[in-house]
Amino acid sequence: MSVRAAVLLALALPAVAVAQRAPGAPEPATVAAQIARVQAELARNAQERARIDRELRDLQAAIDRLRVRQQQLESESLRLQSELAQLQSQPK
């Protein structure tokens, strides 16, 4: 049977196409179960990635707040050092 004839037959008679499945080919139900398993795993993966993205955004915001606070403390330290130097330079 030519490939074209086999394709036409498979399209015309789906039951025949299943019956002519290659030896050792998995059952359609097995393939469907594997597809469902992989799709579920992909969904879990997407949820985990979304959770990690949220956590990264939260951590980045915390880092940004800490950097602002660090800059404020550095400015305060410079101001206090200047004040200290001014006080130390006054006659005693």
PDB file of N, CA and C in Angstrom:
ATOM      1  N   MET A   1       0.850  -1.164   0.000  1.00  0.00           N
ATOM      2  CA  MET A   1       0.000   0.000   0.000  1.00  0.00           C
ATOM      3  C   MET A   1       0.892   1.222   0.000  1.00  0.00           C
ATOM      4  N   SER A   2       0.576   2.180  -0.839  1.00  0.00           N
ATOM      5  CA  SER A   2       1.370   3.400  -0.908  1.00  0.00           C
ATOM      6  C   SER A   2       1.084   4.262   0.322  1.00  0.00           C
ATOM      7  N   VAL A   3       1.985   5.174   0.598  1.00  0.00           N
ATOM      8  CA  VAL A   3       1.810   6.075   1.731  1.00  0.00           C
ATOM      9  C   VAL A   3       0.548   6.905   1.546  1.00  0.00           C
ATOM     10  N   ARG A   4       0.317   7.373   0.311  1.00  0.00           N
ATOM     11  CA  ARG A   4      -0.874   8.183   0.026  1.00  0.00           C
ATOM     12  C   ARG A   4      -2.143   7.380   0.284  1.00  0.00           C
ATOM     13  N   ALA A   5      -2.156   6.169  -0.134  1.00  0.00           N
ATOM     14  CA  ALA A   5      -3.327   5.316   0.083  1.00  0.00           C
ATOM     15  C   ALA A   5      -3.538   5.059   1.566  1.00  0.00           C
ATOM     16  N   ALA A   6      -2.461   4.861   2.311  1.00  0.00           N
ATOM     17  CA  ALA A   6      -2.567   4.630   3.749  1.00  0.00           C
ATOM     18  C   ALA A   6      -3.114   5.863   4.455  1.00  0.00           C
ATOM     19  N   VAL A   7      -2.659   7.045   4.037  1.00  0.00           N
ATOM     20  CA  VAL A   7      -3.147   8.298   4.632  1.00  0.00           C
ATOM     21  C   VAL A   7      -4.619   8.479   4.322  1.00  0.00           C
ATOM     22  N   LEU A   8      -5.006   8.252   3.072  1.00  0.00           N
ATOM     23  CA  LEU A   8      -6.414   8.379   2.702  1.00  0.00           C
ATOM     24  C   LEU A   8      -7.273   7.392   3.478  1.00  0.00           C
ATOM     25  N   LEU A   9      -6.788   6.189   3.641  1.00  0.00           N
ATOM     26  CA  LEU A   9      -7.525   5.188   4.392  1.00  0.00           C
ATOM     27  C   LEU A   9      -7.643   5.580   5.861  1.00  0.00           C
ATOM     28  N   ALA A  10      -6.558   6.123   6.425  1.00  0.00           N
ATOM     29  CA  ALA A  10      -6.573   6.545   7.825  1.00  0.00           C
ATOM     30  C   ALA A  10      -7.561   7.684   8.033  1.00  0.00           C
ATOM     31  N   LEU A  11      -7.641   8.590   7.076  1.00  0.00           N
ATOM     32  CA  LEU A  11      -8.592   9.693   7.185  1.00  0.00           C
ATOM     33  C   LEU A  11     -10.019   9.217   7.021  1.00  0.00           C
ATOM     34  N   ALA A  12     -10.219   8.285   6.155  1.00  0.00           N
ATOM     35  CA  ALA A  12     -11.570   7.789   5.880  1.00  0.00           C
ATOM     36  C   ALA A  12     -12.058   6.839   6.962  1.00  0.00           C
ATOM     37  N   LEU A  13     -11.162   6.068   7.528  1.00  0.00           N
ATOM     38  CA  LEU A  13     -11.564   5.055   8.506  1.00  0.00           C
ATOM     39  C   LEU A  13     -10.699   5.158   9.757  1.00  0.00           C
ATOM     40  N   PRO A  14     -11.048   6.058  10.704  1.00  0.00           N
ATOM     41  CA  PRO A  14     -10.216   6.208  11.905  1.00  0.00           C
ATOM     42  C   PRO A  14     -10.014   4.908  12.664  1.00  0.00           C
ATOM     43  N   ALA A  15     -11.007   4.051  12.710  1.00  0.00           N
ATOM     44  CA  ALA A  15     -10.857   2.776  13.425  1.00  0.00           C
ATOM     45  C   ALA A  15      -9.793   1.908  12.765  1.00  0.00           C
ATOM     46  N   VAL A  16      -9.730   1.964  11.478  1.00  0.00           N
ATOM     47  CA  VAL A  16      -8.715   1.201  10.762  1.00  0.00           C
ATOM     48  C   VAL A  16      -7.336   1.771  11.061  1.00  0.00           C
ATOM     49  N   ALA A  17      -7.249   3.101  11.169  1.00  0.00           N
ATOM     50  CA  ALA A  17      -5.966   3.735  11.460  1.00  0.00           C
ATOM     51  C   ALA A  17      -5.462   3.303  12.826  1.00  0.00           C
ATOM     52  N   VAL A  18      -6.353   3.216  13.804  1.00  0.00           N
ATOM     53  CA  VAL A  18      -5.952   2.753  15.126  1.00  0.00           C
ATOM     54  C   VAL A  18      -5.497   1.305  15.055  1.00  0.00           C
ATOM     55  N   ALA A  19      -6.231   0.511  14.309  1.00  0.00           N
ATOM     56  CA  ALA A  19      -5.881  -0.897  14.187  1.00  0.00           C
ATOM     57  C   ALA A  19      -4.535  -1.067  13.493  1.00  0.00           C
ATOM     58  N   GLN A  20      -4.157  -0.122  12.633  1.00  0.00           N
ATOM     59  CA  GLN A  20      -2.899  -0.223  11.899  1.00  0.00           C
ATOM     60  C   GLN A  20      -1.760   0.498  12.606  1.00  0.00           C
ATOM     61  N   ARG A  21      -1.938   0.785  13.873  1.00  0.00           N
ATOM     62  CA  ARG A  21      -0.894   1.446  14.650  1.00  0.00           C
ATOM     63  C   ARG A  21       0.368   0.594  14.597  1.00  0.00           C
ATOM     64  N   ALA A  22       1.472   1.220  14.576  1.00  0.00           N
ATOM     65  CA  ALA A  22       2.745   0.507  14.493  1.00  0.00           C
ATOM     66  C   ALA A  22       2.910  -0.420  15.696  1.00  0.00           C
ATOM     67  N   PRO A  23       3.530  -1.546  15.476  1.00  0.00           N
ATOM     68  CA  PRO A  23       3.765  -2.468  16.600  1.00  0.00           C
ATOM     69  C   PRO A  23       4.598  -1.777  17.675  1.00  0.00           C
ATOM     70  N   GLY A  24       4.178  -1.916  18.917  1.00  0.00           N
ATOM     71  CA  GLY A  24       4.903  -1.296  20.032  1.00  0.00           C
ATOM     72  C   GLY A  24       4.520   0.147  20.290  1.00  0.00           C
ATOM     73  N   ALA A  25       3.662   0.727  19.440  1.00  0.00           N
ATOM     74  CA  ALA A  25       3.228   2.107  19.652  1.00  0.00           C
ATOM     75  C   ALA A  25       2.324   2.155  20.879  1.00  0.00           C
ATOM     76  N   PRO A  26       2.419   3.237  21.654  1.00  0.00           N
ATOM     77  CA  PRO A  26       1.604   3.315  22.866  1.00  0.00           C
ATOM     78  C   PRO A  26       0.116   3.453  22.539  1.00  0.00           C
ATOM     79  N   GLU A  27      -0.692   3.009  23.469  1.00  0.00           N
ATOM     80  CA  GLU A  27      -2.133   3.134  23.328  1.00  0.00           C
ATOM     81  C   GLU A  27      -2.511   4.614  23.398  1.00  0.00           C
ATOM     82  N   PRO A  28      -3.547   5.027  22.675  1.00  0.00           N
ATOM     83  CA  PRO A  28      -3.987   6.420  22.739  1.00  0.00           C
ATOM     84  C   PRO A  28      -4.307   6.872  24.161  1.00  0.00           C
ATOM     85  N   ALA A  29      -4.889   6.015  24.961  1.00  0.00           N
ATOM     86  CA  ALA A  29      -5.196   6.380  26.348  1.00  0.00           C
ATOM     87  C   ALA A  29      -3.915   6.634  27.138  1.00  0.00           C
ATOM     88  N   THR A  30      -2.875   5.865  26.861  1.00  0.00           N
ATOM     89  CA  THR A  30      -1.589   6.055  27.528  1.00  0.00           C
ATOM     90  C   THR A  30      -0.987   7.395  27.135  1.00  0.00           C
ATOM     91  N   VAL A  31      -1.056   7.703  25.859  1.00  0.00           N
ATOM     92  CA  VAL A  31      -0.522   8.975  25.368  1.00  0.00           C
ATOM     93  C   VAL A  31      -1.312  10.132  25.969  1.00  0.00           C
ATOM     94  N   ALA A  32      -2.644   9.996  26.021  1.00  0.00           N
ATOM     95  CA  ALA A  32      -3.486  11.046  26.603  1.00  0.00           C
ATOM     96  C   ALA A  32      -3.132  11.262  28.067  1.00  0.00           C
ATOM     97  N   ALA A  33      -2.879  10.182  28.804  1.00  0.00           N
ATOM     98  CA  ALA A  33      -2.497  10.300  30.219  1.00  0.00           C
ATOM     99  C   ALA A  33      -1.141  10.992  30.359  1.00  0.00           C
ATOM    100  N   GLN A  34      -0.215  10.647  29.464  1.00  0.00           N
ATOM    101  CA  GLN A  34       1.105  11.294  29.500  1.00  0.00           C
ATOM    102  C   GLN A  34       0.980  12.776  29.192  1.00  0.00           C
ATOM    103  N   ILE A  35       0.141  13.118  28.230  1.00  0.00           N
ATOM    104  CA  ILE A  35      -0.079  14.528  27.880  1.00  0.00           C
ATOM    105  C   ILE A  35      -0.653  15.266  29.086  1.00  0.00           C
ATOM    106  N   ALA A  36      -1.646  14.680  29.737  1.00  0.00           N
ATOM    107  CA  ALA A  36      -2.260  15.302  30.910  1.00  0.00           C
ATOM    108  C   ALA A  36      -1.237  15.499  32.024  1.00  0.00           C
ATOM    109  N   ARG A  37      -0.376  14.504  32.233  1.00  0.00           N
ATOM    110  CA  ARG A  37       0.661  14.599  33.272  1.00  0.00           C
ATOM    111  C   ARG A  37       1.627  15.736  32.979  1.00  0.00           C
ATOM    112  N   VAL A  38       2.064  15.823  31.728  1.00  0.00           N
ATOM    113  CA  VAL A  38       3.015  16.872  31.350  1.00  0.00           C
ATOM    114  C   VAL A  38       2.357  18.250  31.448  1.00  0.00           C
ATOM    115  N   GLN A  39       1.091  18.352  31.030  1.00  0.00           N
ATOM    116  CA  GLN A  39       0.386  19.630  31.135  1.00  0.00           C
ATOM    117  C   GLN A  39       0.236  20.053  32.597  1.00  0.00           C
ATOM    118  N   ALA A  40      -0.053  19.105  33.477  1.00  0.00           N
ATOM    119  CA  ALA A  40      -0.163  19.413  34.911  1.00  0.00           C
ATOM    120  C   ALA A  40       1.181  19.868  35.462  1.00  0.00           C
ATOM    121  N   GLU A  41       2.235  19.203  35.036  1.00  0.00           N
ATOM    122  CA  GLU A  41       3.575  19.589  35.486  1.00  0.00           C
ATOM    123  C   GLU A  41       3.938  20.990  34.988  1.00  0.00           C
ATOM    124  N   LEU A  42       3.574  21.287  33.751  1.00  0.00           N
ATOM    125  CA  LEU A  42       3.811  22.634  33.215  1.00  0.00           C
ATOM    126  C   LEU A  42       3.033  23.685  33.996  1.00  0.00           C
ATOM    127  N   ALA A  43       1.811  23.367  34.390  1.00  0.00           N
ATOM    128  CA  ALA A  43       1.002  24.299  35.179  1.00  0.00           C
ATOM    129  C   ALA A  43       1.652  24.539  36.544  1.00  0.00           C
ATOM    130  N   ARG A  44       2.130  23.477  37.191  1.00  0.00           N
ATOM    131  CA  ARG A  44       2.821  23.630  38.483  1.00  0.00           C
ATOM    132  C   ARG A  44       4.081  24.460  38.310  1.00  0.00           C
ATOM    133  N   ASN A  45       4.791  24.208  37.236  1.00  0.00           N
ATOM    134  CA  ASN A  45       6.013  24.961  36.947  1.00  0.00           C
ATOM    135  C   ASN A  45       5.699  26.450  36.792  1.00  0.00           C
ATOM    136  N   ALA A  46       4.640  26.768  36.063  1.00  0.00           N
ATOM    137  CA  ALA A  46       4.246  28.166  35.849  1.00  0.00           C
ATOM    138  C   ALA A  46       3.860  28.826  37.169  1.00  0.00           C
ATOM    139  N   GLN A  47       3.161  28.098  38.025  1.00  0.00           N
ATOM    140  CA  GLN A  47       2.792  28.645  39.338  1.00  0.00           C
ATOM    141  C   GLN A  47       4.028  28.922  40.182  1.00  0.00           C
ATOM    142  N   GLU A  48       4.965  28.017  40.158  1.00  0.00           N
ATOM    143  CA  GLU A  48       6.196  28.198  40.931  1.00  0.00           C
ATOM    144  C   GLU A  48       7.003  29.382  40.401  1.00  0.00           C
ATOM    145  N   ARG A  49       7.082  29.503  39.071  1.00  0.00           N
ATOM    146  CA  ARG A  49       7.784  30.651  38.486  1.00  0.00           C
ATOM    147  C   ARG A  49       7.111  31.962  38.895  1.00  0.00           C
ATOM    148  N   ALA A  50       5.791  31.999  38.890  1.00  0.00           N
ATOM    149  CA  ALA A  50       5.060  33.201  39.297  1.00  0.00           C
ATOM    150  C   ALA A  50       5.326  33.528  40.765  1.00  0.00           C
ATOM    151  N   ARG A  51       5.358  32.499  41.619  1.00  0.00           N
ATOM    152  CA  ARG A  51       5.649  32.717  43.036  1.00  0.00           C
ATOM    153  C   ARG A  51       7.054  33.283  43.218  1.00  0.00           C
ATOM    154  N   ILE A  52       8.003  32.736  42.489  1.00  0.00           N
ATOM    155  CA  ILE A  52       9.385  33.205  42.578  1.00  0.00           C
ATOM    156  C   ILE A  52       9.495  34.632  42.047  1.00  0.00           C
ATOM    157  N   ASP A  53       8.788  34.936  40.965  1.00  0.00           N
ATOM    158  CA  ASP A  53       8.787  36.310  40.440  1.00  0.00           C
ATOM    159  C   ASP A  53       8.273  37.293  41.491  1.00  0.00           C
ATOM    160  N   ARG A  54       7.176  36.922  42.170  1.00  0.00           N
ATOM    161  CA  ARG A  54       6.636  37.798  43.227  1.00  0.00           C
ATOM    162  C   ARG A  54       7.648  37.973  44.355  1.00  0.00           C
ATOM    163  N   GLU A  55       8.273  36.875  44.751  1.00  0.00           N
ATOM    164  CA  GLU A  55       9.262  36.936  45.822  1.00  0.00           C
ATOM    165  C   GLU A  55      10.453  37.806  45.422  1.00  0.00           C
ATOM    166  N   LEU A  56      10.902  37.673  44.184  1.00  0.00           N
ATOM    167  CA  LEU A  56      12.011  38.505  43.709  1.00  0.00           C
ATOM    168  C   LEU A  56      11.647  39.983  43.720  1.00  0.00           C
ATOM    169  N   ARG A  57      10.419  40.298  43.295  1.00  0.00           N
ATOM    170  CA  ARG A  57       9.980  41.704  43.320  1.00  0.00           C
ATOM    171  C   ARG A  57       9.947  42.228  44.750  1.00  0.00           C
ATOM    172  N   ASP A  58       9.449  41.407  45.686  1.00  0.00           N
ATOM    173  CA  ASP A  58       9.407  41.818  47.086  1.00  0.00           C
ATOM    174  C   ASP A  58      10.819  42.038  47.629  1.00  0.00           C
ATOM    175  N   LEU A  59      11.718  41.124  47.312  1.00  0.00           N
ATOM    176  CA  LEU A  59      13.099  41.253  47.777  1.00  0.00           C
ATOM    177  C   LEU A  59      13.782  42.471  47.165  1.00  0.00           C
ATOM    178  N   GLN A  60      13.513  42.728  45.890  1.00  0.00           N
ATOM    179  CA  GLN A  60      14.103  43.903  45.240  1.00  0.00           C
ATOM    180  C   GLN A  60      13.594  45.180  45.890  1.00  0.00           C
ATOM    181  N   ALA A  61      12.315  45.213  46.227  1.00  0.00           N
ATOM    182  CA  ALA A  61      11.754  46.387  46.910  1.00  0.00           C
ATOM    183  C   ALA A  61      12.411  46.567  48.273  1.00  0.00           C
ATOM    184  N   ALA A  62      12.642  45.476  48.990  1.00  0.00           N
ATOM    185  CA  ALA A  62      13.306  45.546  50.295  1.00  0.00           C
ATOM    186  C   ALA A  62      14.737  46.058  50.136  1.00  0.00           C
ATOM    187  N   ILE A  63      15.423  45.582  49.123  1.00  0.00           N
ATOM    188  CA  ILE A  63      16.794  46.048  48.853  1.00  0.00           C
ATOM    189  C   ILE A  63      16.785  47.544  48.549  1.00  0.00           C
ATOM    190  N   ASP A  64      15.829  47.987  47.735  1.00  0.00           N
ATOM    191  CA  ASP A  64      15.733  49.410  47.407  1.00  0.00           C
ATOM    192  C   ASP A  64      15.497  50.245  48.658  1.00  0.00           C
ATOM    193  N   ARG A  65      14.609  49.778  49.550  1.00  0.00           N
ATOM    194  CA  ARG A  65      14.351  50.508  50.801  1.00  0.00           C
ATOM    195  C   ARG A  65      15.606  50.563  51.661  1.00  0.00           C
ATOM    196  N   LEU A  66      16.347  49.466  51.728  1.00  0.00           N
ATOM    197  CA  LEU A  66      17.580  49.445  52.512  1.00  0.00           C
ATOM    198  C   LEU A  66      18.636  50.380  51.929  1.00  0.00           C
ATOM    199  N   ARG A  67      18.702  50.459  50.618  1.00  0.00           N
ATOM    200  CA  ARG A  67      19.674  51.381  49.991  1.00  0.00           C
ATOM    201  C   ARG A  67      19.335  52.833  50.311  1.00  0.00           C
ATOM    202  N   VAL A  68      18.046  53.156  50.271  1.00  0.00           N
ATOM    203  CA  VAL A  68      17.619  54.514  50.624  1.00  0.00           C
ATOM    204  C   VAL A  68      17.989  54.814  52.074  1.00  0.00           C
ATOM    205  N   ARG A  69      17.719  53.844  52.968  1.00  0.00           N
ATOM    206  CA  ARG A  69      18.044  54.048  54.390  1.00  0.00           C
ATOM    207  C   ARG A  69      19.550  54.169  54.583  1.00  0.00           C
ATOM    208  N   GLN A  70      20.314  53.391  53.833  1.00  0.00           N
ATOM    209  CA  GLN A  70      21.776  53.478  53.921  1.00  0.00           C
ATOM    210  C   GLN A  70      22.255  54.862  53.493  1.00  0.00           C
ATOM    211  N   GLN A  71      21.686  55.383  52.422  1.00  0.00           N
ATOM    212  CA  GLN A  71      22.062  56.723  51.961  1.00  0.00           C
ATOM    213  C   GLN A  71      21.690  57.780  52.989  1.00  0.00           C
ATOM    214  N   GLN A  72      20.521  57.616  53.624  1.00  0.00           N
ATOM    215  CA  GLN A  72      20.124  58.558  54.671  1.00  0.00           C
ATOM    216  C   GLN A  72      21.111  58.519  55.831  1.00  0.00           C
ATOM    217  N   LEU A  73      21.523  57.333  56.232  1.00  0.00           N
ATOM    218  CA  LEU A  73      22.483  57.198  57.328  1.00  0.00           C
ATOM    219  C   LEU A  73      23.849  57.776  56.963  1.00  0.00           C
ATOM    220  N   GLU A  74      24.258  57.585  55.718  1.00  0.00           N
ATOM    221  CA  GLU A  74      25.537  58.158  55.272  1.00  0.00           C
ATOM    222  C   GLU A  74      25.477  59.680  55.314  1.00  0.00           C
ATOM    223  N   SER A  75      24.359  60.236  54.862  1.00  0.00           N
ATOM    224  CA  SER A  75      24.194  61.699  54.906  1.00  0.00           C
ATOM    225  C   SER A  75      24.192  62.191  56.344  1.00  0.00           C
ATOM    226  N   GLU A  76      23.493  61.476  57.219  1.00  0.00           N
ATOM    227  CA  GLU A  76      23.451  61.845  58.636  1.00  0.00           C
ATOM    228  C   GLU A  76      24.841  61.756  59.255  1.00  0.00           C
ATOM    229  N   SER A  77      25.606  60.718  58.899  1.00  0.00           N
ATOM    230  CA  SER A  77      26.971  60.579  59.419  1.00  0.00           C
ATOM    231  C   SER A  77      27.841  61.743  58.973  1.00  0.00           C
ATOM    232  N   LEU A  78      27.723  62.113  57.702  1.00  0.00           N
ATOM    233  CA  LEU A  78      28.514  63.250  57.203  1.00  0.00           C
ATOM    234  C   LEU A  78      28.141  64.535  57.933  1.00  0.00           C
ATOM    235  N   ARG A  79      26.853  64.740  58.155  1.00  0.00           N
ATOM    236  CA  ARG A  79      26.402  65.940  58.865  1.00  0.00           C
ATOM    237  C   ARG A  79      26.946  65.946  60.291  1.00  0.00           C
ATOM    238  N   LEU A  80      26.861  64.786  60.973  1.00  0.00           N
ATOM    239  CA  LEU A  80      27.347  64.702  62.352  1.00  0.00           C
ATOM    240  C   LEU A  80      28.859  64.870  62.428  1.00  0.00           C
ATOM    241  N   GLN A  81      29.596  64.319  61.460  1.00  0.00           N
ATOM    242  CA  GLN A  81      31.055  64.488  61.440  1.00  0.00           C
ATOM    243  C   GLN A  81      31.417  65.955  61.254  1.00  0.00           C
ATOM    244  N   SER A  82      30.662  66.620  60.399  1.00  0.00           N
ATOM    245  CA  SER A  82      30.893  68.050  60.183  1.00  0.00           C
ATOM    246  C   SER A  82      30.607  68.830  61.463  1.00  0.00           C
ATOM    247  N   GLU A  83      29.518  68.498  62.122  1.00  0.00           N
ATOM    248  CA  GLU A  83      29.174  69.173  63.374  1.00  0.00           C
ATOM    249  C   GLU A  83      30.241  68.911  64.433  1.00  0.00           C
ATOM    250  N   LEU A  84      30.723  67.663  64.517  1.00  0.00           N
ATOM    251  CA  LEU A  84      31.762  67.308  65.475  1.00  0.00           C
ATOM    252  C   LEU A  84      33.036  68.091  65.198  1.00  0.00           C
ATOM    253  N   ALA A  85      33.420  68.152  63.928  1.00  0.00           N
ATOM    254  CA  ALA A  85      34.640  68.890  63.577  1.00  0.00           C
ATOM    255  C   ALA A  85      34.493  70.363  63.943  1.00  0.00           C
ATOM    256  N   GLN A  86      33.320  70.909  63.726  1.00  0.00           N
ATOM    257  CA  GLN A  86      33.080  72.324  64.049  1.00  0.00           C
ATOM    258  C   GLN A  86      33.165  72.532  65.568  1.00  0.00           C
ATOM    259  N   LEU A  87      32.579  71.639  66.347  1.00  0.00           N
ATOM    260  CA  LEU A  87      32.619  71.761  67.800  1.00  0.00           C
ATOM    261  C   LEU A  87      34.041  71.590  68.329  1.00  0.00           C
ATOM    262  N   GLN A  88      34.789  70.674  67.742  1.00  0.00           N
ATOM    263  CA  GLN A  88      36.154  70.435  68.200  1.00  0.00           C
ATOM    264  C   GLN A  88      37.074  71.599  67.850  1.00  0.00           C
ATOM    265  N   SER A  89      36.723  72.365  66.837  1.00  0.00           N
ATOM    266  CA  SER A  89      37.582  73.474  66.422  1.00  0.00           C
ATOM    267  C   SER A  89      37.320  74.738  67.259  1.00  0.00           C
ATOM    268  N   GLN A  90      36.267  74.736  68.047  1.00  0.00           N
ATOM    269  CA  GLN A  90      35.975  75.911  68.882  1.00  0.00           C
ATOM    270  C   GLN A  90      36.944  75.949  70.063  1.00  0.00           C
ATOM    271  N   PRO A  91      37.259  77.173  70.491  1.00  0.00           N
ATOM    272  CA  PRO A  91      38.163  77.282  71.653  1.00  0.00           C
ATOM    273  C   PRO A  91      37.516  76.654  72.892  1.00  0.00           C
ATOM    274  N   LYS A  92      38.372  76.080  73.706  1.00  0.00           N
ATOM    275  CA  LYS A  92      37.885  75.391  74.905  1.00  0.00           C
ATOM    276  C   LYS A  92      38.002  76.254  76.119  1.00  0.00           C
TER     277      LYS A  92
END
